[in-house]
């Protein structure tokens, strides 16, 4: 993990939903809108909001669109902000923007005006945030790094799940799972819950036949996954500083009791799960898919084609959750050992689940895509990932060298196109034809994105008015907007005179959130908020 290192069945996988309009005091409020409750919009991680009716290619330009305000917070915003509509706050109703920081804080802002609703610290008395553990990836402090996940049953205000790292006065490190009331920030379900685990194995940090989870050796970088009644956590290392292994954990969403634990390198080492901040993906059947980082892979296979010692370093992994966490299937490239040894693994990228795509015979394929540091784009059949053969790869499709510079980000999907932002390259649009990706991009942006590249997000009104949004990790940061079909630039935050739309220093792995006519972008000090300008502000 070194630095060198859908319409998705429409509303089935989408973790946002429309609420009815509210009439308060005779005024019709703007609460006919959706929530964004998880990283990249949904558990498929497509990055698509297909219910955006305000922002269009005709009004996203520097004359009519720009910075509305900035939100200041107490630490780096490494997590993607999330959005809750029509939350009851006392006697009023507000749209909330939820922001988590590396200073172990969670904020709820009025998403429309920027006013602070509540702010809580997840630190216990006498604690501080963690130091950077001798690693420059998250510095100078480690608090809340991963994007939270929010549960919101119909008619409720919602529960915000987040993982926070801290250090006590004795020098002990803690990882805790918090469940916060969305309306108040108060802890729920007798939380927080200290995270501890062990798993059968003889790998790094093992004792008595079990590998032991050491909270000091990990950070929760991957966005949380809320699936059914459980919250899933996945763990990254600090700059590949051993000892560490590859952990996934499941907690009950209403009791915070740990329900299941899986380690994907239990008899080896490494195998972090981070994906540059992307979350574990999940389908409607409760299957989880993710990209594992460099680590031990057992080339000796059992009779079913699985690693005999259960080590899945540098693999595209599929899990079942039906009776607890377990590996269901996997793909390991034929040169996996070489990639592990040379730190050119898959773990720097995030996986994406694609909607059912039909080929020329009418057969529907359920696919997933993933890419990492080796510049290849891997497309797998979710029903049969491909396993391991040292002589050749047996996957659905592979585009060798399609992503020069490598991937430290994740893609987005819209209208038959897959959008990737490699390091030092333009954003590239790959087109599906007969359920296969064309081998060369059909469009690309005019500008390139320096490290770590870009994770695009997309807004559209169903199939119309598609816009690709991406943040550039520069100082000042730059927000870009492009037409989805040809990637022609519509707008960027450097276009307006006198730095009108500058919003702070860039932050790596940042993913824009687009909802209800606004765009929210995290920085090292807060969140920039963009939308349609009033006539007077647009002409300054």
Protein backbone atom coordinates (compact mmCIF):
# COMPACT_ATOMS: atom_id res chain seq x y z
CA UNK A 1 0.00 0.00 0.00
CA UNK A 2 2.99 2.30 -0.47
CA UNK A 3 2.28 5.49 -2.45
CA UNK A 4 4.42 4.07 -5.28
CA UNK A 5 2.44 1.26 -4.24
CA UNK A 6 -26.93 2.08 -13.67
CA UNK A 7 -28.72 2.39 -13.45
CA UNK A 8 -28.05 -0.47 -11.07
CA UNK A 9 -31.36 -2.14 -11.35
CA UNK A 10 -32.66 1.39 -10.77
CA UNK A 11 -33.65 1.56 -7.11
CA UNK A 12 -32.61 -1.90 -5.92
CA UNK A 13 -28.96 -1.29 -5.11
CA UNK A 14 -29.22 2.46 -4.78
CA UNK A 15 -28.84 3.74 -1.25
CA UNK A 16 -30.80 6.91 -1.80
CA UNK A 17 -34.52 7.40 -2.10
CA UNK A 18 -37.08 10.09 -2.84
CA UNK A 19 -39.21 11.49 -0.06
CA UNK A 20 -42.58 13.15 -0.52
CA UNK A 21 -42.67 16.93 -0.62
CA UNK A 22 -43.33 18.68 2.68
CA UNK A 23 -45.52 21.73 3.11
CA UNK A 24 -44.54 23.81 6.13
CA UNK A 25 -46.29 27.09 6.99
CA UNK A 26 -47.86 27.20 3.54
CA UNK A 27 -44.44 26.99 1.82
CA UNK A 28 -43.47 24.02 -0.30
CA UNK A 29 -39.97 23.08 0.88
CA UNK A 30 -37.30 21.51 -1.30
CA UNK A 31 -37.47 18.09 0.32
CA UNK A 32 -38.60 16.18 -2.79
CA UNK A 33 -35.16 14.65 -2.90
CA UNK A 34 -33.01 11.66 -2.22
CA UNK A 35 -30.48 10.66 0.39
CA UNK A 36 -26.88 9.59 -0.23
CA UNK A 37 -26.12 7.14 2.55
CA UNK A 38 -22.90 5.44 1.48
CA UNK A 39 -19.68 5.87 -0.47
CA UNK A 40 -20.14 6.53 -4.22
CA UNK A 41 -23.94 6.55 -3.92
CA UNK A 42 -24.76 2.84 -3.62
CA UNK A 43 -23.42 -0.58 -2.66
CA UNK A 44 -22.44 -1.21 -6.29
CA UNK A 45 -20.27 1.95 -5.96
CA UNK A 46 -21.30 3.25 -9.40
CA UNK A 47 -20.97 6.90 -8.37
CA UNK A 48 -24.20 7.72 -10.21
CA UNK A 49 -27.04 9.98 -9.05
CA UNK A 50 -29.65 9.54 -11.79
CA UNK A 51 -32.21 11.77 -10.06
CA UNK A 52 -30.45 15.12 -10.52
CA UNK A 53 -32.92 17.48 -12.19
CA UNK A 54 -31.32 20.87 -11.47
CA UNK A 55 -27.80 20.66 -12.89
CA UNK A 56 -27.56 20.26 -16.66
CA UNK A 57 -24.85 20.74 -19.30
CA UNK A 58 -26.53 24.02 -20.24
CA UNK A 59 -26.29 25.65 -16.81
CA UNK A 60 -23.04 24.22 -15.46
CA UNK A 61 -20.69 26.97 -16.60
CA UNK A 62 -18.75 29.73 -14.86
CA UNK A 63 -21.43 32.34 -15.64
CA UNK A 64 -24.26 30.53 -13.85
CA UNK A 65 -22.55 27.92 -11.64
CA UNK A 66 -19.89 28.28 -8.95
CA UNK A 67 -18.95 28.23 -5.28
CA UNK A 68 -21.80 29.00 -2.91
CA UNK A 69 -19.86 28.69 0.36
CA UNK A 70 -17.24 26.62 2.15
CA UNK A 71 -17.64 24.65 5.36
CA UNK A 72 -14.76 24.75 7.84
CA UNK A 73 -13.98 21.76 10.06
CA UNK A 74 -11.22 20.71 12.45
CA UNK A 75 -9.26 18.21 10.34
CA UNK A 76 -8.71 16.60 6.95
CA UNK A 77 -11.87 15.43 5.21
CA UNK A 78 -10.73 12.07 3.83
CA UNK A 79 -14.22 10.57 3.95
CA UNK A 80 -16.78 11.45 1.29
CA UNK A 81 -19.53 13.66 2.79
CA UNK A 82 -22.99 12.07 2.95
CA UNK A 83 -26.47 13.58 2.66
CA UNK A 84 -29.72 13.14 4.58
CA UNK A 85 -32.86 14.93 3.44
CA UNK A 86 -35.77 16.19 5.56
CA UNK A 87 -34.36 15.36 8.99
CA UNK A 88 -36.45 16.52 11.95
CA UNK A 89 -34.38 18.92 14.05
CA UNK A 90 -36.51 20.12 16.94
CA UNK A 91 -39.59 21.73 15.40
CA UNK A 92 -38.01 22.19 11.95
CA UNK A 93 -36.91 20.00 9.07
CA UNK A 94 -33.47 20.26 7.52
CA UNK A 95 -31.37 18.67 4.81
CA UNK A 96 -28.12 17.53 6.45
CA UNK A 97 -24.60 17.17 5.11
CA UNK A 98 -22.64 14.72 7.26
CA UNK A 99 -18.89 15.36 7.37
CA UNK A 100 -16.30 13.22 9.23
CA UNK A 101 -12.74 14.38 9.89
CA UNK A 102 -9.33 13.03 10.80
CA UNK A 103 -9.63 14.94 14.08
CA UNK A 104 -12.20 12.32 15.15
CA UNK A 105 -15.13 14.68 14.64
CA UNK A 106 -18.49 14.23 12.95
CA UNK A 107 -20.44 17.31 11.82
CA UNK A 108 -23.98 17.82 10.60
CA UNK A 109 -24.41 20.98 8.54
CA UNK A 110 -27.50 22.46 6.98
CA UNK A 111 -26.78 21.28 3.44
CA UNK A 112 -28.58 24.28 1.91
CA UNK A 113 -27.17 27.17 3.97
CA UNK A 114 -24.00 25.79 5.55
CA UNK A 115 -25.06 26.53 9.13
CA UNK A 116 -23.85 24.08 11.78
CA UNK A 117 -26.55 21.80 13.21
CA UNK A 118 -24.36 19.69 15.51
CA UNK A 119 -20.75 18.63 16.03
CA UNK A 120 -19.52 15.71 18.16
CA UNK A 121 -16.13 14.27 18.99
CA UNK A 122 -15.74 10.50 18.99
CA UNK A 123 -12.82 10.69 21.42
CA UNK A 124 -13.21 9.43 24.96
CA UNK A 125 -12.04 11.53 27.90
CA UNK A 126 -8.25 11.82 28.02
CA UNK A 127 -7.77 10.53 24.49
CA UNK A 128 -6.27 12.09 21.38
CA UNK A 129 -6.38 11.15 17.76
CA UNK A 130 -3.79 8.60 16.69
CA UNK A 131 -0.42 9.80 15.47
CA UNK A 132 0.40 8.88 11.87
CA UNK A 133 2.12 5.64 12.96
CA UNK A 134 5.30 6.58 11.07
CA UNK A 135 3.44 6.61 7.75
CA UNK A 136 2.87 9.65 5.55
CA UNK A 137 -0.32 8.35 3.92
CA UNK A 138 -2.64 9.80 6.57
CA UNK A 139 -0.86 12.57 8.45
CA UNK A 140 -0.44 14.33 10.87
CA UNK A 141 -3.25 12.49 12.68
CA UNK A 142 -5.50 9.51 12.14
CA UNK A 143 -9.08 9.78 13.32
CA UNK A 144 -12.00 9.01 10.98
CA UNK A 145 -10.55 8.07 7.60
CA UNK A 146 -13.26 5.99 5.97
CA UNK A 147 -16.60 7.14 4.60
CA UNK A 148 -19.39 6.33 7.10
CA UNK A 149 -22.56 4.46 6.17
CA UNK A 150 -26.04 5.55 7.20
CA UNK A 151 -29.10 3.44 7.91
CA UNK A 152 -32.41 5.18 7.34
CA UNK A 153 -35.56 3.08 7.53
CA UNK A 154 -38.60 4.85 6.12
CA UNK A 155 -39.77 7.59 8.46
CA UNK A 156 -36.62 7.73 10.59
CA UNK A 157 -33.92 10.38 10.96
CA UNK A 158 -31.19 7.83 10.40
CA UNK A 159 -28.21 6.23 12.16
CA UNK A 160 -24.66 7.17 11.15
CA UNK A 161 -22.09 4.37 11.48
CA UNK A 162 -18.45 5.39 11.58
CA UNK A 163 -15.10 3.97 12.72
CA UNK A 164 -12.70 6.19 14.69
CA UNK A 165 -9.09 5.59 15.70
CA UNK A 166 -7.68 7.12 18.90
CA UNK A 167 -4.86 6.93 21.43
CA UNK A 168 -5.23 7.00 25.21
CA UNK A 169 -2.96 8.55 27.84
CA UNK A 170 -1.15 5.24 28.36
CA UNK A 171 -0.19 5.06 24.69
CA UNK A 172 -2.72 2.39 23.79
CA UNK A 173 -4.49 2.60 20.42
CA UNK A 174 -8.19 2.04 19.92
CA UNK A 175 -10.50 1.40 16.98
CA UNK A 176 -14.17 1.89 17.76
CA UNK A 177 -17.44 1.52 15.88
CA UNK A 178 -19.87 4.36 16.59
CA UNK A 179 -23.60 4.61 15.84
CA UNK A 180 -24.80 8.23 15.97
CA UNK A 181 -28.30 9.65 15.87
CA UNK A 182 -28.49 11.73 12.69
CA UNK A 183 -30.62 14.41 14.32
CA UNK A 184 -28.43 14.97 17.39
CA UNK A 185 -25.08 13.17 17.02
CA UNK A 186 -25.76 11.24 20.23
CA UNK A 187 -24.38 7.72 20.59
CA UNK A 188 -26.92 4.92 20.10
CA UNK A 189 -27.10 1.21 20.96
CA UNK A 190 -24.79 1.56 23.99
CA UNK A 191 -21.97 2.51 21.67
CA UNK A 192 -19.24 2.97 20.88
CA UNK A 193 -17.93 -0.59 20.51
CA UNK A 194 -14.20 -1.34 20.85
CA UNK A 195 -13.07 -3.43 17.89
CA UNK A 196 -11.19 -6.63 18.63
CA UNK A 197 -10.90 -9.88 16.70
CA UNK A 198 -9.01 -13.10 16.22
CA UNK A 199 -9.10 -15.67 13.44
CA UNK A 200 -7.59 -19.17 13.07
CA UNK A 201 -4.13 -18.91 11.52
CA UNK A 202 -0.38 -18.76 11.95
CA UNK A 203 0.33 -15.56 10.01
CA UNK A 204 1.54 -12.17 11.17
CA UNK A 205 0.81 -11.37 14.83
CA UNK A 206 -0.46 -14.86 15.61
CA UNK A 207 -0.59 -16.55 18.99
CA UNK A 208 -1.99 -19.90 20.08
CA UNK A 209 -3.22 -20.77 16.61
CA UNK A 210 -4.97 -17.44 15.96
CA UNK A 211 -4.00 -14.23 14.19
CA UNK A 212 -4.83 -11.30 16.47
CA UNK A 213 -6.19 -7.92 15.38
CA UNK A 214 -3.91 -5.19 16.77
CA UNK A 215 -5.72 -1.81 16.56
CA UNK A 216 -2.43 0.08 16.35
CA UNK A 217 -1.45 -1.65 13.09
CA UNK A 218 -4.53 -0.76 11.07
CA UNK A 219 -6.69 2.08 9.83
CA UNK A 220 -10.22 1.75 8.49
CA UNK A 221 -9.68 3.29 5.03
CA UNK A 222 -12.32 1.47 2.99
CA UNK A 223 -15.81 3.00 3.09
CA UNK A 224 -18.18 1.19 5.44
CA UNK A 225 -20.73 -1.18 3.91
CA UNK A 226 -24.26 -1.48 5.31
CA UNK A 227 -25.84 -4.69 4.05
CA UNK A 228 -29.06 -6.03 5.49
CA UNK A 229 -28.84 -5.87 9.27
CA UNK A 230 -25.05 -5.73 9.44
CA UNK A 231 -22.26 -3.18 9.07
CA UNK A 232 -19.08 -4.41 7.36
CA UNK A 233 -15.59 -3.06 8.04
CA UNK A 234 -12.37 -3.69 6.11
CA UNK A 235 -8.89 -2.82 7.28
CA UNK A 236 -5.82 -1.21 5.73
CA UNK A 237 -2.24 -1.05 6.99
CA UNK A 238 0.09 1.86 7.65
CA UNK A 239 2.47 2.01 4.64
CA UNK A 240 2.80 -1.78 4.56
CA UNK A 241 4.44 -1.76 7.98
CA UNK A 242 4.20 -5.34 9.26
CA UNK A 243 2.85 -7.21 11.10
CA UNK A 244 -0.59 -7.09 9.50
CA UNK A 245 -3.05 -9.28 7.60
CA UNK A 246 -6.31 -8.82 5.69
CA UNK A 247 -9.37 -8.39 7.93
CA UNK A 248 -13.09 -8.04 7.20
CA UNK A 249 -15.59 -7.82 10.08
CA UNK A 250 -19.37 -7.75 10.40
CA UNK A 251 -21.30 -6.04 13.24
CA UNK A 252 -25.00 -6.10 13.98
CA UNK A 253 -26.40 -2.68 13.09
CA UNK A 254 -28.71 -2.39 16.10
CA UNK A 255 -26.65 -4.04 18.86
CA UNK A 256 -23.09 -3.35 17.62
CA UNK A 257 -22.27 -6.97 18.46
CA UNK A 258 -19.61 -8.54 16.27
CA UNK A 259 -21.28 -11.23 14.15
CA UNK A 260 -18.57 -12.53 11.85
CA UNK A 261 -14.84 -12.17 11.12
CA UNK A 262 -12.80 -13.22 8.10
CA UNK A 263 -9.08 -12.93 7.46
CA UNK A 264 -7.96 -13.38 3.84
CA UNK A 265 -4.26 -13.89 4.65
CA UNK A 266 -4.51 -15.80 7.95
CA UNK A 267 -1.45 -17.97 7.39
CA UNK A 268 0.61 -15.32 5.65
CA UNK A 269 1.00 -11.57 5.81
CA UNK A 270 -0.13 -8.30 4.26
CA UNK A 271 -3.35 -8.34 2.16
CA UNK A 272 -4.69 -4.93 3.25
CA UNK A 273 -8.12 -3.77 2.04
CA UNK A 274 -8.17 -0.04 1.27
CA UNK A 275 -8.92 0.74 -2.41
CA UNK A 276 -7.96 4.42 -2.07
CA UNK A 277 -11.03 4.92 0.10
CA UNK A 278 -13.52 2.93 -1.98
CA UNK A 279 -15.93 0.73 -0.08
CA UNK A 280 -16.59 -2.99 -0.27
CA UNK A 281 -19.24 -3.66 -2.93
CA UNK A 282 -22.32 -5.86 -2.52
CA UNK A 283 -25.03 -7.28 -4.76
CA UNK A 284 -28.70 -8.00 -4.04
CA UNK A 285 -27.93 -11.57 -2.94
CA UNK A 286 -25.64 -10.50 -0.12
CA UNK A 287 -22.40 -11.26 -1.95
CA UNK A 288 -19.46 -8.91 -1.31
CA UNK A 289 -16.69 -8.15 -3.81
CA UNK A 290 -13.41 -6.28 -3.28
CA UNK A 291 -9.81 -5.94 -4.46
CA UNK A 292 -7.16 -7.17 -2.05
CA UNK A 293 -3.73 -5.54 -1.82
CA UNK A 294 -0.32 -7.16 -2.12
CA UNK A 295 0.15 -10.08 0.24
CA UNK A 296 0.76 -13.80 0.38
CA UNK A 297 -1.14 -15.89 -2.15
CA UNK A 298 -0.99 -19.69 -1.85
CA UNK A 299 -0.27 -21.12 -5.28
CA UNK A 300 -0.96 -24.64 -4.00
CA UNK A 301 -4.67 -25.14 -4.64
CA UNK A 302 -7.12 -27.62 -3.15
CA UNK A 303 -9.43 -29.82 -5.18
CA UNK A 304 -11.89 -26.95 -5.63
CA UNK A 305 -9.25 -24.56 -6.93
CA UNK A 306 -8.92 -22.48 -3.75
CA UNK A 307 -5.62 -21.63 -2.00
CA UNK A 308 -4.88 -24.51 0.35
CA UNK A 309 -3.89 -22.22 3.24
CA UNK A 310 -6.61 -19.63 2.66
CA UNK A 311 -4.30 -16.76 1.67
CA UNK A 312 -5.67 -14.43 -1.06
CA UNK A 313 -3.12 -11.62 -1.41
CA UNK A 314 -3.57 -9.45 -4.55
CA UNK A 315 -6.85 -11.07 -5.53
CA UNK A 316 -10.27 -10.00 -6.78
CA UNK A 317 -12.29 -11.63 -3.99
CA UNK A 318 -15.96 -12.58 -3.75
CA UNK A 319 -17.49 -13.33 -0.34
CA UNK A 320 -20.73 -14.86 0.78
CA UNK A 321 -22.52 -13.56 3.87
CA UNK A 322 -25.25 -16.19 4.10
CA UNK A 323 -23.79 -17.99 7.13
CA UNK A 324 -21.15 -15.53 8.16
CA UNK A 325 -18.27 -14.21 6.10
CA UNK A 326 -16.54 -16.73 3.83
CA UNK A 327 -14.70 -16.67 0.50
CA UNK A 328 -17.11 -17.70 -2.25
CA UNK A 329 -14.85 -17.20 -5.29
CA UNK A 330 -11.75 -15.30 -6.38
CA UNK A 331 -9.50 -14.30 -9.26
CA UNK A 332 -5.71 -14.13 -9.03
CA UNK A 333 -3.74 -13.09 -12.12
CA UNK A 334 -1.22 -15.57 -13.51
CA UNK A 335 1.67 -13.24 -12.58
CA UNK A 336 0.29 -12.58 -9.12
CA UNK A 337 3.50 -13.51 -7.30
CA UNK A 338 5.47 -11.03 -9.41
CA UNK A 339 2.92 -8.28 -8.73
CA UNK A 340 3.04 -8.99 -5.00
CA UNK A 341 6.83 -8.92 -4.92
CA UNK A 342 7.03 -5.65 -6.87
CA UNK A 343 4.12 -3.76 -5.26
CA UNK A 344 2.04 -3.50 -8.42
CA UNK A 345 -1.06 -5.04 -6.93
CA UNK A 346 -4.81 -4.55 -7.26
CA UNK A 347 -5.29 -3.10 -3.79
CA UNK A 348 -4.93 0.56 -4.79
CA UNK A 349 -8.19 0.46 -6.77
CA UNK A 350 -11.84 0.05 -5.88
CA UNK A 351 -14.15 -2.53 -7.43
CA UNK A 352 -17.43 -1.62 -9.12
CA UNK A 353 -20.48 -3.82 -9.80
CA UNK A 354 -22.13 -3.22 -13.16
CA UNK A 355 -25.82 -3.58 -14.01
CA UNK A 356 -26.90 -6.59 -16.05
CA UNK A 357 -25.52 -6.15 -19.59
CA UNK A 358 -26.82 -8.12 -22.60
CA UNK A 359 -24.63 -9.58 -25.33
CA UNK A 360 -25.60 -10.08 -29.00
CA UNK A 361 -27.52 -13.28 -28.18
CA UNK A 362 -29.64 -11.61 -25.50
CA UNK A 363 -27.76 -13.29 -22.65
CA UNK A 364 -27.45 -11.05 -19.58
CA UNK A 365 -24.08 -10.87 -17.84
CA UNK A 366 -23.57 -9.67 -14.27
CA UNK A 367 -20.07 -8.24 -14.26
CA UNK A 368 -17.66 -6.40 -12.00
CA UNK A 369 -14.65 -4.31 -12.93
CA UNK A 370 -11.44 -3.63 -11.07
CA UNK A 371 -7.97 -2.23 -11.66
CA UNK A 372 -4.89 -1.37 -9.64
CA UNK A 373 -1.25 -0.49 -10.11
CA UNK A 374 -0.43 -2.78 -13.05
CA UNK A 375 -2.31 -0.64 -15.67
CA UNK A 376 -4.64 -3.50 -16.67
CA UNK A 377 -8.44 -3.30 -16.58
CA UNK A 378 -10.01 -6.54 -15.32
CA UNK A 379 -13.65 -7.41 -16.07
CA UNK A 380 -14.97 -10.46 -14.23
CA UNK A 381 -18.13 -12.54 -14.34
CA UNK A 382 -19.54 -12.31 -10.81
CA UNK A 383 -20.82 -15.89 -11.08
CA UNK A 384 -17.36 -17.27 -11.88
CA UNK A 385 -14.47 -14.94 -11.11
CA UNK A 386 -11.74 -17.07 -12.70
CA UNK A 387 -9.59 -18.43 -9.84
CA UNK A 388 -5.86 -19.01 -10.49
CA UNK A 389 -3.88 -20.64 -13.28
CA UNK A 390 -0.13 -19.88 -13.47
CA UNK A 391 -0.27 -20.31 -17.25
CA UNK A 392 -3.11 -17.94 -18.18
CA UNK A 393 -5.96 -15.83 -16.82
CA UNK A 394 -9.49 -17.22 -17.06
CA UNK A 395 -11.60 -14.11 -16.64
CA UNK A 396 -14.39 -12.54 -18.64
CA UNK A 397 -12.24 -9.82 -20.26
CA UNK A 398 -8.87 -8.17 -19.68
CA UNK A 399 -7.65 -4.93 -21.28
CA UNK A 400 -3.88 -5.03 -20.88
CA UNK A 401 -2.23 -1.64 -20.46
CA UNK A 402 -5.53 0.21 -20.86
CA UNK A 403 -4.90 2.39 -17.80
CA UNK A 404 -1.35 3.80 -18.10
CA UNK A 405 -0.08 5.25 -14.86
CA UNK A 406 -2.11 2.79 -12.80
CA UNK A 407 -5.19 3.26 -10.63
CA UNK A 408 -5.30 4.78 -7.15
CA UNK A 409 -9.03 5.47 -7.37
CA UNK A 410 -12.22 3.83 -8.57
CA UNK A 411 -14.39 4.16 -11.68
CA UNK A 412 -17.95 5.34 -12.25
CA UNK A 413 -20.62 3.96 -14.60
CA UNK A 414 -23.29 5.62 -16.71
CA UNK A 415 -25.27 4.64 -19.80
CA UNK A 416 -23.06 1.80 -20.98
CA UNK A 417 -19.78 3.55 -20.21
CA UNK A 418 -17.12 2.93 -17.60
CA UNK A 419 -15.09 5.99 -16.53
CA UNK A 420 -11.57 5.60 -15.08
CA UNK A 421 -9.11 8.29 -13.91
CA UNK A 422 -5.54 6.86 -13.98
CA UNK A 423 -2.58 8.63 -12.37
CA UNK A 424 -1.12 11.33 -14.60
CA UNK A 425 -3.71 10.69 -17.31
CA UNK A 426 -7.05 12.06 -18.53
CA UNK A 427 -10.30 10.52 -17.38
CA UNK A 428 -11.03 7.75 -19.90
CA UNK A 429 -14.48 6.54 -21.02
CA UNK A 430 -14.72 2.90 -22.11
CA UNK A 431 -17.83 1.82 -24.03
CA UNK A 432 -19.64 -1.50 -23.69
CA UNK A 433 -20.73 -3.18 -26.92
CA UNK A 434 -22.42 -6.59 -26.80
CA UNK A 435 -21.41 -6.94 -23.14
CA UNK A 436 -17.71 -6.38 -23.89
CA UNK A 437 -15.61 -3.29 -23.39
CA UNK A 438 -14.17 -1.79 -26.52
CA UNK A 439 -10.40 -2.00 -26.25
CA UNK A 440 -9.70 1.72 -26.57
CA UNK A 441 -11.47 4.65 -24.88
CA UNK A 442 -14.24 6.36 -26.84
CA UNK A 443 -13.63 9.70 -25.07
CA UNK A 444 -11.17 11.36 -22.73
CA UNK A 445 -10.81 14.66 -20.92
CA UNK A 446 -8.52 17.38 -22.27
CA UNK A 447 -6.68 17.63 -18.95
CA UNK A 448 -4.79 15.02 -16.94
CA UNK A 449 -4.97 14.32 -13.20
CA UNK A 450 -1.79 14.04 -11.15
CA UNK A 451 -1.47 11.53 -8.30
CA UNK A 452 -3.73 9.91 -7.26
CA UNK A 453 -5.66 10.40 -10.51
CA UNK A 454 -9.40 10.90 -10.12
CA UNK A 455 -12.48 9.10 -8.86
CA UNK A 456 -15.33 10.41 -11.05
CA UNK A 457 -18.91 10.90 -9.90
CA UNK A 458 -21.82 11.31 -12.30
CA UNK A 459 -25.12 13.17 -12.19
CA UNK A 460 -27.98 12.76 -14.64
CA UNK A 461 -31.75 13.00 -14.96
CA UNK A 462 -32.30 9.32 -15.73
CA UNK A 463 -30.57 8.89 -19.12
CA UNK A 464 -30.40 12.62 -19.89
CA UNK A 465 -28.06 15.46 -18.94
CA UNK A 466 -25.17 13.27 -17.85
CA UNK A 467 -22.30 15.19 -16.23
CA UNK A 468 -19.00 13.68 -15.04
CA UNK A 469 -17.51 15.42 -12.00
CA UNK A 470 -13.96 15.01 -10.68
CA UNK A 471 -11.67 16.77 -8.19
CA UNK A 472 -8.02 17.52 -8.91
CA UNK A 473 -5.52 17.08 -6.06
CA UNK A 474 -3.76 20.44 -6.41
CA UNK A 475 -3.40 23.63 -4.36
CA UNK A 476 -5.86 25.16 -4.84
CA UNK A 477 -8.00 22.13 -5.59
CA UNK A 478 -9.88 22.12 -8.90
CA UNK A 479 -13.39 20.76 -9.43
CA UNK A 480 -14.09 19.80 -13.05
CA UNK A 481 -17.37 19.07 -14.83
CA UNK A 482 -17.62 17.34 -18.23
CA UNK A 483 -20.34 16.24 -20.61
CA UNK A 484 -20.71 12.53 -19.96
CA UNK A 485 -20.93 11.45 -23.58
CA UNK A 486 -17.82 13.15 -25.00
CA UNK A 487 -15.98 14.39 -21.85
CA UNK A 488 -15.92 17.93 -23.20
CA UNK A 489 -15.27 20.25 -20.26
CA UNK A 490 -18.19 22.37 -19.10
CA UNK A 491 -16.65 24.05 -16.09
CA UNK A 492 -13.75 24.14 -13.66
CA UNK A 493 -13.12 26.16 -10.54
CA UNK A 494 -10.19 28.08 -12.08
CA UNK A 495 -12.32 29.69 -14.80
CA UNK A 496 -14.00 32.50 -12.82
CA UNK A 497 -11.99 35.69 -12.29
CA UNK A 498 -10.21 36.57 -9.05
CA UNK A 499 -10.30 33.03 -7.67
CA UNK A 500 -14.06 33.30 -7.09
CA UNK A 501 -14.57 29.55 -6.98
CA UNK A 502 -11.39 28.44 -5.18
CA UNK A 503 -12.33 26.30 -2.20
CA UNK A 504 -9.13 25.13 -0.49
CA UNK A 505 -6.21 22.78 -0.93
CA UNK A 506 -6.80 19.50 -2.68
CA UNK A 507 -6.97 16.23 -0.81
CA UNK A 508 -6.10 12.86 -2.33
CA UNK A 509 -8.81 10.25 -2.96
CA UNK A 510 -11.59 12.87 -2.71
CA UNK A 511 -14.88 11.94 -4.35
CA UNK A 512 -17.42 14.67 -5.24
CA UNK A 513 -21.00 14.28 -4.00
CA UNK A 514 -23.75 15.63 -6.28
CA UNK A 515 -27.32 15.93 -5.06
CA UNK A 516 -30.29 18.31 -5.32
CA UNK A 517 -28.51 20.86 -7.47
CA UNK A 518 -25.36 21.07 -5.35
CA UNK A 519 -21.87 19.59 -5.47
CA UNK A 520 -19.93 18.93 -2.26
CA UNK A 521 -16.15 18.40 -2.36
CA UNK A 522 -13.91 17.63 0.63
CA UNK A 523 -10.56 19.36 1.19
CA UNK A 524 -7.79 19.38 3.79
CA UNK A 525 -9.74 21.90 5.88
CA UNK A 526 -13.41 21.51 5.03
CA UNK A 527 -15.92 21.11 2.23
CA UNK A 528 -16.52 23.29 -0.82
CA UNK A 529 -20.18 23.66 -1.81
CA UNK A 530 -21.15 24.51 -5.41
CA UNK A 531 -24.41 25.21 -7.21
CA UNK A 532 -26.30 27.63 -9.39
CA UNK A 533 -25.44 31.25 -8.64
CA UNK A 534 -27.81 34.14 -8.23
CA UNK A 535 -27.59 36.59 -11.17
CA UNK A 536 -25.56 39.09 -9.11
CA UNK A 537 -23.04 36.56 -7.77
CA UNK A 538 -22.52 35.05 -11.20
CA UNK A 539 -21.32 38.32 -12.68
CA UNK A 540 -18.80 39.36 -10.03
